[in-house]
């Protein structure tokens, strides 16, 4: 009886929580746009491609029309921008993802968005 109850509880917990394996960030960003004006959406999914599709959907549902996937990630991702440059980063923590995005973007850039999937 205990074994049956344990199996039932495990099945309930597994099925009641959404399990996402990947995340993505889509942005609506054009040269000349400041970091604070960039539109974006964050998506989650069972795969990176599913997360990317969700990110574009979320970006467009926020009123942005030219959304493109900027970064796909398994744990954490970030997007940085200035009026002339942009950069992406991903890694095991939000701090790592942000650092990589800022390094790729260069001087004068700010983090637009960062997210951790787990």
Protein backbone atom coordinates (compact mmCIF):
# COMPACT_ATOMS: atom_id res chain seq x y z
CA UNK A 1 0.00 0.00 0.00
CA UNK A 2 2.80 2.45 0.87
CA UNK A 3 4.51 1.71 -2.43
CA UNK A 4 1.30 2.35 -4.37
CA UNK A 5 0.71 5.64 -2.53
CA UNK A 6 4.30 6.75 -3.20
CA UNK A 7 3.91 6.00 -6.91
CA UNK A 8 0.65 7.95 -7.06
CA UNK A 9 2.18 10.96 -5.30
CA UNK A 10 5.21 10.91 -7.61
CA UNK A 11 2.99 10.76 -10.69
CA UNK A 12 0.87 13.64 -9.38
CA UNK A 13 3.87 15.85 -8.68
CA UNK A 14 5.47 15.07 -12.03
CA UNK A 15 2.29 15.80 -14.00
CA UNK A 16 1.17 18.85 -12.02
CA UNK A 17 4.29 20.95 -12.60
CA UNK A 18 5.27 22.26 -16.00
CA UNK A 19 8.71 21.04 -16.93
CA UNK A 20 10.75 23.38 -19.09
CA UNK A 21 14.16 22.40 -20.37
CA UNK A 22 15.07 25.60 -22.22
CA UNK A 23 14.54 29.33 -22.41
CA UNK A 24 14.91 32.03 -25.03
CA UNK A 25 14.81 35.80 -25.41
CA UNK A 26 13.41 37.53 -28.49
CA UNK A 27 13.95 41.25 -29.07
CA UNK A 28 12.63 44.06 -31.24
CA UNK A 29 15.76 46.18 -31.50
CA UNK A 30 17.00 48.49 -34.24
CA UNK A 31 20.23 50.48 -34.51
CA UNK A 32 19.73 53.82 -32.82
CA UNK A 33 17.37 52.43 -30.17
CA UNK A 34 18.52 52.89 -26.59
CA UNK A 35 18.59 49.89 -24.25
CA UNK A 36 15.55 51.17 -22.35
CA UNK A 37 13.48 51.27 -25.57
CA UNK A 38 14.15 47.69 -26.72
CA UNK A 39 11.08 45.49 -26.80
CA UNK A 40 11.46 41.86 -25.78
CA UNK A 41 9.79 38.62 -24.84
CA UNK A 42 10.97 35.70 -22.73
CA UNK A 43 9.94 32.19 -23.70
CA UNK A 44 10.15 28.72 -22.20
CA UNK A 45 9.74 25.30 -23.71
CA UNK A 46 10.72 21.68 -23.72
CA UNK A 47 13.39 22.44 -26.36
CA UNK A 48 15.36 25.54 -27.37
CA UNK A 49 13.30 25.81 -30.57
CA UNK A 50 10.02 25.64 -28.63
CA UNK A 51 11.33 28.28 -26.22
CA UNK A 52 12.36 30.48 -29.17
CA UNK A 53 8.87 30.27 -30.71
CA UNK A 54 7.35 31.15 -27.33
CA UNK A 55 9.75 34.11 -26.91
CA UNK A 56 8.74 35.56 -30.30
CA UNK A 57 5.07 35.10 -29.37
CA UNK A 58 5.59 36.85 -26.01
CA UNK A 59 7.54 39.67 -27.69
CA UNK A 60 4.79 40.27 -30.25
CA UNK A 61 2.05 40.07 -27.62
CA UNK A 62 3.79 42.98 -25.85
CA UNK A 63 3.14 45.19 -28.89
CA UNK A 64 6.42 44.68 -30.75
CA UNK A 65 6.28 43.94 -34.46
CA UNK A 66 9.86 43.08 -35.52
CA UNK A 67 10.75 40.38 -32.96
CA UNK A 68 13.74 38.14 -33.55
CA UNK A 69 15.27 35.47 -31.34
CA UNK A 70 18.42 36.86 -29.75
CA UNK A 71 19.53 34.00 -27.49
CA UNK A 72 18.49 30.45 -26.62
CA UNK A 73 19.72 28.89 -23.37
CA UNK A 74 19.42 25.92 -21.09
CA UNK A 75 19.92 27.70 -17.77
CA UNK A 76 20.33 31.50 -18.00
CA UNK A 77 20.48 34.02 -20.83
CA UNK A 78 20.92 37.78 -21.23
CA UNK A 79 20.71 40.50 -23.87
CA UNK A 80 22.63 43.80 -23.65
CA UNK A 81 22.40 46.80 -25.96
CA UNK A 82 23.38 50.38 -26.68
CA UNK A 83 22.33 52.63 -29.57
CA UNK A 84 24.87 50.98 -31.87
CA UNK A 85 25.71 47.57 -30.45
CA UNK A 86 24.18 44.50 -28.89
CA UNK A 87 25.46 41.37 -27.22
CA UNK A 88 24.16 38.09 -25.88
CA UNK A 89 25.31 35.81 -23.12
CA UNK A 90 24.34 32.55 -21.48
CA UNK A 91 25.65 30.46 -18.65
CA UNK A 92 25.08 28.70 -15.37
CA UNK A 93 23.86 31.83 -13.55
CA UNK A 94 22.29 35.18 -14.32
CA UNK A 95 25.54 36.93 -13.35
CA UNK A 96 27.54 34.84 -15.85
CA UNK A 97 25.00 35.46 -18.64
CA UNK A 98 24.97 39.22 -17.98
CA UNK A 99 28.77 39.43 -17.88
CA UNK A 100 29.08 37.63 -21.23
CA UNK A 101 26.39 39.82 -22.83
CA UNK A 102 28.11 43.02 -21.67
CA UNK A 103 31.53 41.78 -22.82
CA UNK A 104 30.16 40.93 -26.27
CA UNK A 105 28.29 44.23 -26.55
CA UNK A 106 31.12 46.53 -25.53
CA UNK A 107 31.45 49.95 -23.94
CA UNK A 108 28.30 51.88 -23.11
CA UNK A 109 25.98 48.87 -23.17
CA UNK A 110 23.34 48.05 -20.59
CA UNK A 111 21.50 44.83 -19.83
CA UNK A 112 18.07 44.93 -21.46
CA UNK A 113 16.82 41.63 -20.11
CA UNK A 114 18.15 38.55 -18.32
CA UNK A 115 16.36 35.36 -17.36
CA UNK A 116 17.04 32.00 -15.78
CA UNK A 117 14.96 29.04 -16.86
CA UNK A 118 15.35 27.00 -13.69
